[in-house]
Amino acid sequence: LWDTINVGLTLGLRTGSKALQAIGIGRGEALRAEVVGGHFFAQGIEGATGCSVLRNSMIFEEINTSPGQWKLKLVGIDSEVEIRLNDYIYSGANEVLEVNEDVLFTSVQKTKNI
């Protein structure tokens, strides 16, 4: 169980960090995070982005599936990004930290807000 928590949390941290990098903002600067995935995935995204259900800056839909159905949409002031995860089963958190982004993510789609 602990390793499942670690994997979800670490996937969330990496996904949240990638989203911030993709739209060129820092922690606490996003307007909103829309998260679909496991509870610990959402916690990792909260840790990376500062968006939170408690602060009304995160919309969270919990689904207990493998990561292939998980996604994050991070909305900034002038752009947003949607990241979808590959359906991959990780052996542990250190594997999540070590793999390249092309293993983690199926798509990173950035759009400008109008």
Protein backbone atom coordinates (compact mmCIF):
# COMPACT_ATOMS: atom_id res chain seq x y z
CA LEU A 1 0.00 0.00 0.00
CA TRP A 2 2.74 2.49 0.92
CA ASP A 3 4.35 2.08 -2.49
CA THR A 4 1.02 2.75 -4.22
CA ILE A 5 0.76 5.99 -2.24
CA ASN A 6 4.32 6.92 -3.20
CA VAL A 7 3.73 6.23 -6.89
CA GLY A 8 0.52 8.29 -7.03
CA LEU A 9 2.03 11.16 -5.06
CA THR A 10 5.20 11.19 -7.16
CA LEU A 11 3.23 11.05 -10.42
CA GLY A 12 1.27 14.07 -9.17
CA LEU A 13 4.42 15.99 -8.27
CA ARG A 14 6.00 15.32 -11.69
CA THR A 15 2.78 16.11 -13.57
CA GLY A 16 2.19 19.32 -11.62
CA SER A 17 5.80 20.44 -12.11
CA LYS A 18 5.64 19.71 -15.84
CA ALA A 19 2.40 21.71 -16.13
CA LEU A 20 3.93 24.75 -14.40
CA GLN A 21 6.98 24.52 -16.67
CA ALA A 22 4.83 24.15 -19.81
CA ILE A 23 2.97 27.42 -19.23
CA GLY A 24 5.87 29.25 -17.61
CA ILE A 25 4.47 29.96 -14.15
CA GLY A 26 5.53 29.18 -10.60
CA ARG A 27 3.88 27.48 -7.64
CA GLY A 28 0.86 29.44 -6.42
CA GLU A 29 0.40 31.32 -9.72
CA ALA A 30 -2.13 28.99 -11.42
CA LEU A 31 -5.77 30.03 -11.37
CA ARG A 32 -7.13 26.48 -11.29
CA ALA A 33 -6.18 22.82 -11.54
CA GLU A 34 -8.66 20.28 -12.91
CA VAL A 35 -7.55 16.83 -11.81
CA VAL A 36 -8.87 13.40 -12.75
CA GLY A 37 -7.13 10.49 -11.05
CA GLY A 38 -6.28 8.93 -7.72
CA HIS A 39 -6.36 10.75 -4.39
CA PHE A 40 -2.56 10.71 -3.93
CA PHE A 41 -2.06 11.93 -7.53
CA ALA A 42 -4.20 14.97 -6.63
CA GLN A 43 -2.16 15.51 -3.45
CA GLY A 44 1.05 15.53 -5.50
CA ILE A 45 -0.43 18.08 -7.90
CA GLU A 46 -1.47 20.21 -4.93
CA GLY A 47 2.07 20.00 -3.58
CA ALA A 48 3.61 21.06 -6.88
CA THR A 49 1.13 23.74 -7.97
CA GLY A 50 -0.36 25.07 -4.73
CA CYS A 51 -3.88 24.54 -6.13
CA SER A 52 -6.20 23.04 -3.54
CA VAL A 53 -9.79 21.86 -3.15
CA LEU A 54 -9.87 23.72 0.20
CA ARG A 55 -8.89 26.99 -1.50
CA ASN A 56 -11.40 26.43 -4.34
CA SER A 57 -8.57 26.33 -6.89
CA MET A 58 -8.79 22.59 -7.61
CA ILE A 59 -11.59 20.60 -9.18
CA PHE A 60 -10.95 16.94 -8.36
CA GLU A 61 -12.65 13.91 -9.84
CA GLU A 62 -11.39 10.79 -8.09
CA ILE A 63 -11.15 7.67 -10.22
CA ASN A 64 -9.50 4.48 -9.02
CA THR A 65 -8.00 3.25 -12.28
CA SER A 66 -4.54 2.80 -13.69
CA PRO A 67 -2.83 6.09 -14.68
CA GLY A 68 -3.90 5.81 -18.35
CA GLN A 69 -7.14 7.64 -17.50
CA TRP A 70 -5.57 10.28 -15.26
CA LYS A 71 -5.10 13.87 -16.40
CA LEU A 72 -4.39 17.40 -15.26
CA LYS A 73 -5.54 20.65 -16.80
CA LEU A 74 -3.69 23.59 -15.27
CA VAL A 75 -5.08 27.05 -16.03
CA GLY A 76 -2.88 30.13 -15.85
CA ILE A 77 -3.75 33.75 -16.57
CA ASP A 78 -2.83 33.68 -20.28
CA SER A 79 -2.48 30.00 -21.12
CA GLU A 80 -3.40 26.51 -19.99
CA VAL A 81 -2.03 23.02 -20.40
CA GLU A 82 -3.60 19.58 -20.35
CA ILE A 83 -1.40 16.60 -19.52
CA ARG A 84 -2.51 13.01 -19.96
CA LEU A 85 -0.62 10.09 -18.46
CA ASN A 86 0.53 6.89 -20.08
CA ASP A 87 -1.05 3.67 -18.86
CA TYR A 88 2.01 2.26 -17.16
CA ILE A 89 2.46 0.34 -13.92
CA TYR A 90 5.46 1.61 -11.96
CA SER A 91 7.52 -0.55 -9.62
CA GLY A 92 7.91 2.31 -7.15
CA ALA A 93 8.32 6.05 -6.64
CA ASN A 94 11.98 6.03 -7.67
CA GLU A 95 11.02 4.65 -11.08
CA VAL A 96 8.55 7.55 -11.48
CA LEU A 97 11.37 9.98 -10.62
CA GLU A 98 13.87 8.37 -13.02
CA VAL A 99 11.86 7.78 -16.22
CA ASN A 100 11.80 10.25 -19.10
CA GLU A 101 8.74 12.41 -19.68
CA ASP A 102 7.79 10.41 -22.80
CA VAL A 103 7.27 7.40 -20.51
CA LEU A 104 5.15 9.40 -18.07
CA PHE A 105 2.96 11.46 -20.42
CA THR A 106 1.01 10.59 -23.58
CA SER A 107 0.35 14.25 -24.30
CA VAL A 108 1.18 17.75 -23.08
CA GLN A 109 -1.13 20.18 -24.91
CA LYS A 110 -0.72 23.89 -24.31
CA THR A 111 -3.26 26.48 -25.46
CA LYS A 112 -3.47 30.26 -25.15
CA ASN A 113 -6.44 31.70 -23.26
CA ILE A 114 -8.39 34.23 -25.28
